[in-house]
């Protein structure tokens, strides 16, 4: 028998869906993996490593920052992006290890 969801449960489910939608793009997943490995990177390093247009990478970075997945640290003219919470990367790793991708 299913139990009723509380308001808090519904809020958490909505937030989980929001975060999953925010990272549901191949470039975003690759960016998250890079940031998980390197802790923080600037835009130039990210777009060069992904062999993608700077404007496209900047768009994805800004989108994920706006959604609370990434944050920035400024150092002079450079902006460094980092993951707010490594749990997002853990979820991606979990999916990679699942039978879904096999």
PDB file of N, CA and C in Angstrom:
ATOM      1  N   UNK A   1       0.841  -1.172   0.000  1.00  0.00           N
ATOM      2  CA  UNK A   1       0.000   0.000   0.000  1.00  0.00           C
ATOM      3  C   UNK A   1       0.893   1.244   0.000  1.00  0.00           C
ATOM      4  N   UNK A   2       0.627   2.169  -0.875  1.00  0.00           N
ATOM      5  CA  UNK A   2       1.416   3.392  -0.983  1.00  0.00           C
ATOM      6  C   UNK A   2       1.068   4.348   0.149  1.00  0.00           C
ATOM      7  N   UNK A   3       2.085   5.022   0.644  1.00  0.00           N
ATOM      8  CA  UNK A   3       1.851   6.006   1.680  1.00  0.00           C
ATOM      9  C   UNK A   3       1.673   7.376   1.040  1.00  0.00           C
ATOM     10  N   UNK A   4       0.932   8.217   1.710  1.00  0.00           N
ATOM     11  CA  UNK A   4       0.717   9.567   1.191  1.00  0.00           C
ATOM     12  C   UNK A   4       1.977  10.391   1.364  1.00  0.00           C
ATOM     13  N   UNK A   5       2.210  11.234   0.377  1.00  0.00           N
ATOM     14  CA  UNK A   5       3.365  12.112   0.450  1.00  0.00           C
ATOM     15  C   UNK A   5       3.029  13.354   1.257  1.00  0.00           C
ATOM     16  N   UNK A   6       3.968  13.738   2.082  1.00  0.00           N
ATOM     17  CA  UNK A   6       3.800  14.976   2.821  1.00  0.00           C
ATOM     18  C   UNK A   6       4.171  16.144   1.913  1.00  0.00           C
ATOM     19  N   UNK A   7       3.864  17.333   2.341  1.00  0.00           N
ATOM     20  CA  UNK A   7       4.246  18.532   1.592  1.00  0.00           C
ATOM     21  C   UNK A   7       5.754  18.587   1.420  1.00  0.00           C
ATOM     22  N   UNK A   8       6.484  18.207   2.450  1.00  0.00           N
ATOM     23  CA  UNK A   8       7.956  18.200   2.380  1.00  0.00           C
ATOM     24  C   UNK A   8       8.442  17.169   1.365  1.00  0.00           C
ATOM     25  N   UNK A   9       7.813  15.983   1.340  1.00  0.00           N
ATOM     26  CA  UNK A   9       8.170  14.961   0.348  1.00  0.00           C
ATOM     27  C   UNK A   9       7.929  15.487  -1.067  1.00  0.00           C
ATOM     28  N   UNK A  10       6.799  16.122  -1.280  1.00  0.00           N
ATOM     29  CA  UNK A  10       6.478  16.667  -2.605  1.00  0.00           C
ATOM     30  C   UNK A  10       7.484  17.742  -3.009  1.00  0.00           C
ATOM     31  N   UNK A  11       7.873  18.578  -2.067  1.00  0.00           N
ATOM     32  CA  UNK A  11       8.866  19.618  -2.353  1.00  0.00           C
ATOM     33  C   UNK A  11      10.197  19.004  -2.765  1.00  0.00           C
ATOM     34  N   UNK A  12      10.601  17.949  -2.064  1.00  0.00           N
ATOM     35  CA  UNK A  12      11.867  17.286  -2.377  1.00  0.00           C
ATOM     36  C   UNK A  12      11.822  16.602  -3.740  1.00  0.00           C
ATOM     37  N   UNK A  13      10.711  15.972  -4.069  1.00  0.00           N
ATOM     38  CA  UNK A  13      10.563  15.341  -5.384  1.00  0.00           C
ATOM     39  C   UNK A  13      10.615  16.400  -6.483  1.00  0.00           C
ATOM     40  N   UNK A  14       9.932  17.508  -6.277  1.00  0.00           N
ATOM     41  CA  UNK A  14       9.958  18.597  -7.258  1.00  0.00           C
ATOM     42  C   UNK A  14      11.376  19.141  -7.448  1.00  0.00           C
ATOM     43  N   UNK A  15      12.096  19.308  -6.359  1.00  0.00           N
ATOM     44  CA  UNK A  15      13.473  19.811  -6.431  1.00  0.00           C
ATOM     45  C   UNK A  15      14.379  18.806  -7.146  1.00  0.00           C
ATOM     46  N   UNK A  16      14.208  17.528  -6.862  1.00  0.00           N
ATOM     47  CA  UNK A  16      15.005  16.491  -7.528  1.00  0.00           C
ATOM     48  C   UNK A  16      14.763  16.515  -9.036  1.00  0.00           C
ATOM     49  N   UNK A  17      13.508  16.630  -9.438  1.00  0.00           N
ATOM     50  CA  UNK A  17      13.179  16.701 -10.868  1.00  0.00           C
ATOM     51  C   UNK A  17      13.793  17.951 -11.497  1.00  0.00           C
ATOM     52  N   UNK A  18      13.762  19.046 -10.782  1.00  0.00           N
ATOM     53  CA  UNK A  18      14.331  20.312 -11.246  1.00  0.00           C
ATOM     54  C   UNK A  18      15.836  20.171 -11.508  1.00  0.00           C
ATOM     55  N   UNK A  19      16.546  19.556 -10.574  1.00  0.00           N
ATOM     56  CA  UNK A  19      17.990  19.374 -10.722  1.00  0.00           C
ATOM     57  C   UNK A  19      18.294  18.409 -11.859  1.00  0.00           C
ATOM     58  N   UNK A  20      17.562  17.308 -11.946  1.00  0.00           N
ATOM     59  CA  UNK A  20      17.798  16.344 -13.020  1.00  0.00           C
ATOM     60  C   UNK A  20      17.553  16.958 -14.394  1.00  0.00           C
ATOM     61  N   UNK A  21      16.519  17.765 -14.517  1.00  0.00           N
ATOM     62  CA  UNK A  21      16.266  18.459 -15.786  1.00  0.00           C
ATOM     63  C   UNK A  21      17.396  19.426 -16.110  1.00  0.00           C
ATOM     64  N   UNK A  22      17.935  20.073 -15.078  1.00  0.00           N
ATOM     65  CA  UNK A  22      18.986  21.068 -15.274  1.00  0.00           C
ATOM     66  C   UNK A  22      20.285  20.450 -15.788  1.00  0.00           C
ATOM     67  N   UNK A  23      20.530  19.190 -15.507  1.00  0.00           N
ATOM     68  CA  UNK A  23      21.767  18.547 -15.952  1.00  0.00           C
ATOM     69  C   UNK A  23      21.545  17.589 -17.121  1.00  0.00           C
ATOM     70  N   UNK A  24      20.333  17.494 -17.607  1.00  0.00           N
ATOM     71  CA  UNK A  24      19.976  16.527 -18.643  1.00  0.00           C
ATOM     72  C   UNK A  24      20.405  16.986 -20.035  1.00  0.00           C
ATOM     73  N   UNK A  25      21.707  17.118 -20.212  1.00  0.00           N
ATOM     74  CA  UNK A  25      22.282  17.468 -21.509  1.00  0.00           C
ATOM     75  C   UNK A  25      23.700  16.904 -21.537  1.00  0.00           C
ATOM     76  N   UNK A  26      24.122  16.299 -22.642  1.00  0.00           N
ATOM     77  CA  UNK A  26      25.459  15.683 -22.676  1.00  0.00           C
ATOM     78  C   UNK A  26      26.600  16.637 -22.298  1.00  0.00           C
ATOM     79  N   UNK A  27      26.573  17.874 -22.789  1.00  0.00           N
ATOM     80  CA  UNK A  27      27.645  18.814 -22.438  1.00  0.00           C
ATOM     81  C   UNK A  27      27.621  19.159 -20.949  1.00  0.00           C
ATOM     82  N   UNK A  28      26.447  19.295 -20.393  1.00  0.00           N
ATOM     83  CA  UNK A  28      26.346  19.608 -18.967  1.00  0.00           C
ATOM     84  C   UNK A  28      26.880  18.463 -18.117  1.00  0.00           C
ATOM     85  N   UNK A  29      26.581  17.247 -18.519  1.00  0.00           N
ATOM     86  CA  UNK A  29      27.099  16.089 -17.793  1.00  0.00           C
ATOM     87  C   UNK A  29      28.617  16.060 -17.873  1.00  0.00           C
ATOM     88  N   UNK A  30      29.168  16.323 -19.051  1.00  0.00           N
ATOM     89  CA  UNK A  30      30.625  16.338 -19.199  1.00  0.00           C
ATOM     90  C   UNK A  30      31.254  17.461 -18.367  1.00  0.00           C
ATOM     91  N   UNK A  31      30.619  18.623 -18.333  1.00  0.00           N
ATOM     92  CA  UNK A  31      31.121  19.734 -17.509  1.00  0.00           C
ATOM     93  C   UNK A  31      31.132  19.329 -16.037  1.00  0.00           C
ATOM     94  N   UNK A  32      30.053  18.723 -15.580  1.00  0.00           N
ATOM     95  CA  UNK A  32      29.969  18.285 -14.183  1.00  0.00           C
ATOM     96  C   UNK A  32      31.062  17.269 -13.871  1.00  0.00           C
ATOM     97  N   UNK A  33      31.302  16.333 -14.774  1.00  0.00           N
ATOM     98  CA  UNK A  33      32.357  15.354 -14.560  1.00  0.00           C
ATOM     99  C   UNK A  33      33.727  16.028 -14.479  1.00  0.00           C
ATOM    100  N   UNK A  34      33.973  16.989 -15.369  1.00  0.00           N
ATOM    101  CA  UNK A  34      35.245  17.714 -15.340  1.00  0.00           C
ATOM    102  C   UNK A  34      35.423  18.457 -14.026  1.00  0.00           C
ATOM    103  N   UNK A  35      34.370  19.129 -13.584  1.00  0.00           N
ATOM    104  CA  UNK A  35      34.456  19.891 -12.339  1.00  0.00           C
ATOM    105  C   UNK A  35      34.596  18.973 -11.131  1.00  0.00           C
ATOM    106  N   UNK A  36      34.010  17.822 -11.197  1.00  0.00           N
ATOM    107  CA  UNK A  36      34.158  16.870 -10.098  1.00  0.00           C
ATOM    108  C   UNK A  36      35.608  16.388 -10.005  1.00  0.00           C
ATOM    109  N   UNK A  37      36.244  16.198 -11.150  1.00  0.00           N
ATOM    110  CA  UNK A  37      37.631  15.742 -11.178  1.00  0.00           C
ATOM    111  C   UNK A  37      38.621  16.850 -10.803  1.00  0.00           C
ATOM    112  N   UNK A  38      38.326  18.080 -11.230  1.00  0.00           N
ATOM    113  CA  UNK A  38      39.290  19.178 -11.067  1.00  0.00           C
ATOM    114  C   UNK A  38      38.927  20.160  -9.963  1.00  0.00           C
ATOM    115  N   UNK A  39      37.778  20.037  -9.388  1.00  0.00           N
ATOM    116  CA  UNK A  39      37.257  20.910  -8.319  1.00  0.00           C
ATOM    117  C   UNK A  39      36.813  22.279  -8.830  1.00  0.00           C
ATOM    118  N   UNK A  40      37.650  22.964  -9.632  1.00  0.00           N
ATOM    119  CA  UNK A  40      37.206  24.215 -10.235  1.00  0.00           C
ATOM    120  C   UNK A  40      37.999  24.463 -11.516  1.00  0.00           C
ATOM    121  N   UNK A  41      37.299  25.060 -12.499  1.00  0.00           N
ATOM    122  CA  UNK A  41      37.914  25.343 -13.798  1.00  0.00           C
ATOM    123  C   UNK A  41      37.373  26.649 -14.340  1.00  0.00           C
ATOM    124  N   UNK A  42      38.180  27.311 -15.172  1.00  0.00           N
ATOM    125  CA  UNK A  42      37.670  28.501 -15.843  1.00  0.00           C
ATOM    126  C   UNK A  42      37.042  28.111 -17.187  1.00  0.00           C
ATOM    127  N   UNK A  43      36.312  29.037 -17.784  1.00  0.00           N
ATOM    128  CA  UNK A  43      35.579  28.761 -19.016  1.00  0.00           C
ATOM    129  C   UNK A  43      36.520  28.314 -20.128  1.00  0.00           C
ATOM    130  N   UNK A  44      37.654  28.971 -20.255  1.00  0.00           N
ATOM    131  CA  UNK A  44      38.603  28.633 -21.330  1.00  0.00           C
ATOM    132  C   UNK A  44      39.048  27.179 -21.252  1.00  0.00           C
ATOM    133  N   UNK A  45      39.379  26.726 -20.073  1.00  0.00           N
ATOM    134  CA  UNK A  45      39.807  25.340 -19.904  1.00  0.00           C
ATOM    135  C   UNK A  45      38.675  24.379 -20.258  1.00  0.00           C
ATOM    136  N   UNK A  46      37.475  24.702 -19.847  1.00  0.00           N
ATOM    137  CA  UNK A  46      36.335  23.821 -20.112  1.00  0.00           C
ATOM    138  C   UNK A  46      36.061  23.728 -21.602  1.00  0.00           C
ATOM    139  N   UNK A  47      35.950  24.856 -22.283  1.00  0.00           N
ATOM    140  CA  UNK A  47      35.594  24.774 -23.702  1.00  0.00           C
ATOM    141  C   UNK A  47      36.714  24.166 -24.541  1.00  0.00           C
ATOM    142  N   UNK A  48      37.963  24.376 -24.152  1.00  0.00           N
ATOM    143  CA  UNK A  48      39.073  23.755 -24.885  1.00  0.00           C
ATOM    144  C   UNK A  48      39.066  22.243 -24.697  1.00  0.00           C
ATOM    145  N   UNK A  49      38.851  21.787 -23.478  1.00  0.00           N
ATOM    146  CA  UNK A  49      38.828  20.344 -23.214  1.00  0.00           C
ATOM    147  C   UNK A  49      37.638  19.649 -23.854  1.00  0.00           C
ATOM    148  N   UNK A  50      36.535  20.364 -24.014  1.00  0.00           N
ATOM    149  CA  UNK A  50      35.345  19.770 -24.624  1.00  0.00           C
ATOM    150  C   UNK A  50      35.267  20.018 -26.125  1.00  0.00           C
ATOM    151  N   UNK A  51      36.225  20.812 -26.633  1.00  0.00           N
ATOM    152  CA  UNK A  51      36.248  21.123 -28.062  1.00  0.00           C
ATOM    153  C   UNK A  51      34.894  21.676 -28.516  1.00  0.00           C
ATOM    154  N   UNK A  52      34.423  22.681 -27.783  1.00  0.00           N
ATOM    155  CA  UNK A  52      33.126  23.288 -28.067  1.00  0.00           C
ATOM    156  C   UNK A  52      33.273  24.804 -28.108  1.00  0.00           C
ATOM    157  N   UNK A  53      32.284  25.468 -28.655  1.00  0.00           N
ATOM    158  CA  UNK A  53      32.276  26.933 -28.729  1.00  0.00           C
ATOM    159  C   UNK A  53      32.214  27.530 -27.327  1.00  0.00           C
ATOM    160  N   UNK A  54      32.966  28.595 -27.103  1.00  0.00           N
ATOM    161  CA  UNK A  54      32.966  29.246 -25.799  1.00  0.00           C
ATOM    162  C   UNK A  54      31.577  29.746 -25.430  1.00  0.00           C
ATOM    163  N   UNK A  55      30.860  30.307 -26.402  1.00  0.00           N
ATOM    164  CA  UNK A  55      29.528  30.837 -26.103  1.00  0.00           C
ATOM    165  C   UNK A  55      28.565  29.737 -25.664  1.00  0.00           C
ATOM    166  N   UNK A  56      28.683  28.559 -26.260  1.00  0.00           N
ATOM    167  CA  UNK A  56      27.820  27.436 -25.889  1.00  0.00           C
ATOM    168  C   UNK A  56      28.139  26.958 -24.470  1.00  0.00           C
ATOM    169  N   UNK A  57      29.424  26.825 -24.164  1.00  0.00           N
ATOM    170  CA  UNK A  57      29.822  26.399 -22.825  1.00  0.00           C
ATOM    171  C   UNK A  57      29.399  27.443 -21.790  1.00  0.00           C
ATOM    172  N   UNK A  58      29.602  28.718 -22.111  1.00  0.00           N
ATOM    173  CA  UNK A  58      29.190  29.784 -21.187  1.00  0.00           C
ATOM    174  C   UNK A  58      27.698  29.721 -20.913  1.00  0.00           C
ATOM    175  N   UNK A  59      26.910  29.468 -21.946  1.00  0.00           N
ATOM    176  CA  UNK A  59      25.456  29.344 -21.785  1.00  0.00           C
ATOM    177  C   UNK A  59      25.121  28.230 -20.792  1.00  0.00           C
ATOM    178  N   UNK A  60      25.741  27.070 -20.964  1.00  0.00           N
ATOM    179  CA  UNK A  60      25.473  25.943 -20.062  1.00  0.00           C
ATOM    180  C   UNK A  60      25.936  26.238 -18.640  1.00  0.00           C
ATOM    181  N   UNK A  61      27.099  26.861 -18.506  1.00  0.00           N
ATOM    182  CA  UNK A  61      27.609  27.195 -17.177  1.00  0.00           C
ATOM    183  C   UNK A  61      26.685  28.174 -16.459  1.00  0.00           C
ATOM    184  N   UNK A  62      26.251  29.201 -17.171  1.00  0.00           N
ATOM    185  CA  UNK A  62      25.353  30.192 -16.572  1.00  0.00           C
ATOM    186  C   UNK A  62      24.033  29.546 -16.171  1.00  0.00           C
ATOM    187  N   UNK A  63      23.509  28.678 -17.029  1.00  0.00           N
ATOM    188  CA  UNK A  63      22.254  27.992 -16.739  1.00  0.00           C
ATOM    189  C   UNK A  63      22.380  27.150 -15.468  1.00  0.00           C
ATOM    190  N   UNK A  64      23.462  26.390 -15.365  1.00  0.00           N
ATOM    191  CA  UNK A  64      23.629  25.545 -14.179  1.00  0.00           C
ATOM    192  C   UNK A  64      23.910  26.379 -12.931  1.00  0.00           C
ATOM    193  N   UNK A  65      24.563  27.514 -13.100  1.00  0.00           N
ATOM    194  CA  UNK A  65      24.783  28.403 -11.954  1.00  0.00           C
ATOM    195  C   UNK A  65      23.457  28.995 -11.493  1.00  0.00           C
ATOM    196  N   UNK A  66      22.638  29.442 -12.446  1.00  0.00           N
ATOM    197  CA  UNK A  66      21.332  30.000 -12.104  1.00  0.00           C
ATOM    198  C   UNK A  66      20.456  28.995 -11.364  1.00  0.00           C
ATOM    199  N   UNK A  67      20.656  27.715 -11.641  1.00  0.00           N
ATOM    200  CA  UNK A  67      19.842  26.674 -11.012  1.00  0.00           C
ATOM    201  C   UNK A  67      20.465  26.130  -9.739  1.00  0.00           C
ATOM    202  N   UNK A  68      21.595  26.719  -9.324  1.00  0.00           N
ATOM    203  CA  UNK A  68      22.191  26.344  -8.050  1.00  0.00           C
ATOM    204  C   UNK A  68      23.082  25.120  -8.080  1.00  0.00           C
ATOM    205  N   UNK A  69      23.428  24.632  -9.264  1.00  0.00           N
ATOM    206  CA  UNK A  69      24.272  23.450  -9.376  1.00  0.00           C
ATOM    207  C   UNK A  69      25.749  23.838  -9.311  1.00  0.00           C
ATOM    208  N   UNK A  70      26.085  24.976  -9.898  1.00  0.00           N
ATOM    209  CA  UNK A  70      27.446  25.502  -9.900  1.00  0.00           C
ATOM    210  C   UNK A  70      27.480  26.850  -9.211  1.00  0.00           C
ATOM    211  N   UNK A  71      28.680  27.239  -8.810  1.00  0.00           N
ATOM    212  CA  UNK A  71      28.916  28.591  -8.326  1.00  0.00           C
ATOM    213  C   UNK A  71      30.262  29.035  -8.875  1.00  0.00           C
ATOM    214  N   UNK A  72      30.615  30.286  -8.596  1.00  0.00           N
ATOM    215  CA  UNK A  72      31.852  30.827  -9.149  1.00  0.00           C
ATOM    216  C   UNK A  72      32.746  31.392  -8.066  1.00  0.00           C
ATOM    217  N   UNK A  73      34.026  31.490  -8.434  1.00  0.00           N
ATOM    218  CA  UNK A  73      35.018  32.199  -7.640  1.00  0.00           C
ATOM    219  C   UNK A  73      35.752  33.104  -8.615  1.00  0.00           C
ATOM    220  N   UNK A  74      35.821  34.385  -8.297  1.00  0.00           N
ATOM    221  CA  UNK A  74      36.524  35.343  -9.149  1.00  0.00           C
ATOM    222  C   UNK A  74      37.952  35.508  -8.664  1.00  0.00           C
ATOM    223  N   UNK A  75      38.860  35.582  -9.650  1.00  0.00           N
ATOM    224  CA  UNK A  75      40.267  35.847  -9.360  1.00  0.00           C
ATOM    225  C   UNK A  75      40.785  36.752 -10.465  1.00  0.00           C
ATOM    226  N   UNK A  76      40.827  38.046 -10.171  1.00  0.00           N
ATOM    227  CA  UNK A  76      41.193  39.010 -11.210  1.00  0.00           C
ATOM    228  C   UNK A  76      40.140  39.011 -12.300  1.00  0.00           C
ATOM    229  N   UNK A  77      40.575  38.810 -13.533  1.00  0.00           N
ATOM    230  CA  UNK A  77      39.639  38.759 -14.662  1.00  0.00           C
ATOM    231  C   UNK A  77      39.070  37.366 -14.893  1.00  0.00           C
ATOM    232  N   UNK A  78      39.598  36.389 -14.189  1.00  0.00           N
ATOM    233  CA  UNK A  78      39.153  35.011 -14.386  1.00  0.00           C
ATOM    234  C   UNK A  78      37.985  34.657 -13.480  1.00  0.00           C
ATOM    235  N   UNK A  79      37.104  33.848 -14.023  1.00  0.00           N
ATOM    236  CA  UNK A  79      35.991  33.291 -13.258  1.00  0.00           C
ATOM    237  C   UNK A  79      36.156  31.780 -13.260  1.00  0.00           C
ATOM    238  N   UNK A  80      36.171  31.208 -12.078  1.00  0.00           N
ATOM    239  CA  UNK A  80      36.315  29.768 -11.929  1.00  0.00           C
ATOM    240  C   UNK A  80      34.995  29.179 -11.457  1.00  0.00           C
ATOM    241  N   UNK A  81      34.554  28.128 -12.136  1.00  0.00           N
ATOM    242  CA  UNK A  81      33.311  27.437 -11.782  1.00  0.00           C
ATOM    243  C   UNK A  81      33.629  26.214 -10.945  1.00  0.00           C
ATOM    244  N   UNK A  82      32.723  25.910 -10.017  1.00  0.00           N
ATOM    245  CA  UNK A  82      32.860  24.710  -9.202  1.00  0.00           C
ATOM    246  C   UNK A  82      31.473  24.178  -8.847  1.00  0.00           C
ATOM    247  N   UNK A  83      31.416  22.882  -8.535  1.00  0.00           N
ATOM    248  CA  UNK A  83      30.162  22.250  -8.126  1.00  0.00           C
ATOM    249  C   UNK A  83      29.792  22.706  -6.719  1.00  0.00           C
ATOM    250  N   UNK A  84      28.532  23.048  -6.536  1.00  0.00           N
ATOM    251  CA  UNK A  84      28.042  23.418  -5.209  1.00  0.00           C
ATOM    252  C   UNK A  84      27.968  22.183  -4.317  1.00  0.00           C
ATOM    253  N   UNK A  85      27.569  21.057  -4.900  1.00  0.00           N
ATOM    254  CA  UNK A  85      27.404  19.823  -4.143  1.00  0.00           C
ATOM    255  C   UNK A  85      27.813  18.655  -5.038  1.00  0.00           C
ATOM    256  N   UNK A  86      28.712  17.826  -4.580  1.00  0.00           N
ATOM    257  CA  UNK A  86      29.179  16.696  -5.387  1.00  0.00           C
ATOM    258  C   UNK A  86      28.111  15.618  -5.555  1.00  0.00           C
ATOM    259  N   UNK A  87      26.986  15.740  -4.874  1.00  0.00           N
ATOM    260  CA  UNK A  87      25.914  14.744  -5.004  1.00  0.00           C
ATOM    261  C   UNK A  87      25.404  14.657  -6.440  1.00  0.00           C
ATOM    262  N   UNK A  88      25.434  15.768  -7.169  1.00  0.00           N
ATOM    263  CA  UNK A  88      25.005  15.750  -8.573  1.00  0.00           C
ATOM    264  C   UNK A  88      25.920  14.825  -9.370  1.00  0.00           C
ATOM    265  N   UNK A  89      27.195  14.920  -9.132  1.00  0.00           N
ATOM    266  CA  UNK A  89      28.154  14.037  -9.790  1.00  0.00           C
ATOM    267  C   UNK A  89      27.956  12.588  -9.355  1.00  0.00           C
ATOM    268  N   UNK A  90      27.627  12.384  -8.105  1.00  0.00           N
ATOM    269  CA  UNK A  90      27.370  11.032  -7.596  1.00  0.00           C
ATOM    270  C   UNK A  90      26.185  10.393  -8.312  1.00  0.00           C
ATOM    271  N   UNK A  91      25.151  11.180  -8.579  1.00  0.00           N
ATOM    272  CA  UNK A  91      23.973  10.671  -9.294  1.00  0.00           C
ATOM    273  C   UNK A  91      24.363  10.253 -10.712  1.00  0.00           C
ATOM    274  N   UNK A  92      25.169  11.080 -11.383  1.00  0.00           N
ATOM    275  CA  UNK A  92      25.623  10.749 -12.728  1.00  0.00           C
ATOM    276  C   UNK A  92      26.456   9.469 -12.702  1.00  0.00           C
ATOM    277  N   UNK A  93      27.353   9.344 -11.736  1.00  0.00           N
ATOM    278  CA  UNK A  93      28.154   8.123 -11.596  1.00  0.00           C
ATOM    279  C   UNK A  93      27.269   6.903 -11.363  1.00  0.00           C
ATOM    280  N   UNK A  94      26.242   7.079 -10.565  1.00  0.00           N
ATOM    281  CA  UNK A  94      25.307   5.983 -10.283  1.00  0.00           C
ATOM    282  C   UNK A  94      24.612   5.519 -11.569  1.00  0.00           C
ATOM    283  N   UNK A  95      24.200   6.457 -12.391  1.00  0.00           N
ATOM    284  CA  UNK A  95      23.552   6.117 -13.657  1.00  0.00           C
ATOM    285  C   UNK A  95      24.541   5.391 -14.565  1.00  0.00           C
ATOM    286  N   UNK A  96      25.792   5.867 -14.607  1.00  0.00           N
ATOM    287  CA  UNK A  96      26.827   5.219 -15.413  1.00  0.00           C
ATOM    288  C   UNK A  96      27.022   3.759 -15.008  1.00  0.00           C
ATOM    289  N   UNK A  97      26.941   3.491 -13.714  1.00  0.00           N
ATOM    290  CA  UNK A  97      27.179   2.142 -13.203  1.00  0.00           C
ATOM    291  C   UNK A  97      25.950   1.246 -13.297  1.00  0.00           C
ATOM    292  N   UNK A  98      24.805   1.830 -13.614  1.00  0.00           N
ATOM    293  CA  UNK A  98      23.574   1.049 -13.643  1.00  0.00           C
ATOM    294  C   UNK A  98      23.455   0.203 -14.907  1.00  0.00           C
ATOM    295  N   UNK A  99      22.509  -0.681 -14.898  1.00  0.00           N
ATOM    296  CA  UNK A  99      22.256  -1.540 -16.057  1.00  0.00           C
ATOM    297  C   UNK A  99      21.536  -0.783 -17.164  1.00  0.00           C
ATOM    298  N   UNK A 100      21.055   0.403 -16.871  1.00  0.00           N
ATOM    299  CA  UNK A 100      20.314   1.187 -17.848  1.00  0.00           C
ATOM    300  C   UNK A 100      21.164   1.475 -19.080  1.00  0.00           C
ATOM    301  N   UNK A 101      22.454   1.737 -18.892  1.00  0.00           N
ATOM    302  CA  UNK A 101      23.323   2.113 -20.009  1.00  0.00           C
ATOM    303  C   UNK A 101      23.941   0.918 -20.721  1.00  0.00           C
ATOM    304  N   UNK A 102      23.743  -0.265 -20.214  1.00  0.00           N
ATOM    305  CA  UNK A 102      24.333  -1.468 -20.841  1.00  0.00           C
ATOM    306  C   UNK A 102      23.437  -2.062 -21.885  1.00  0.00           C
TER     307      UNK A 102
END
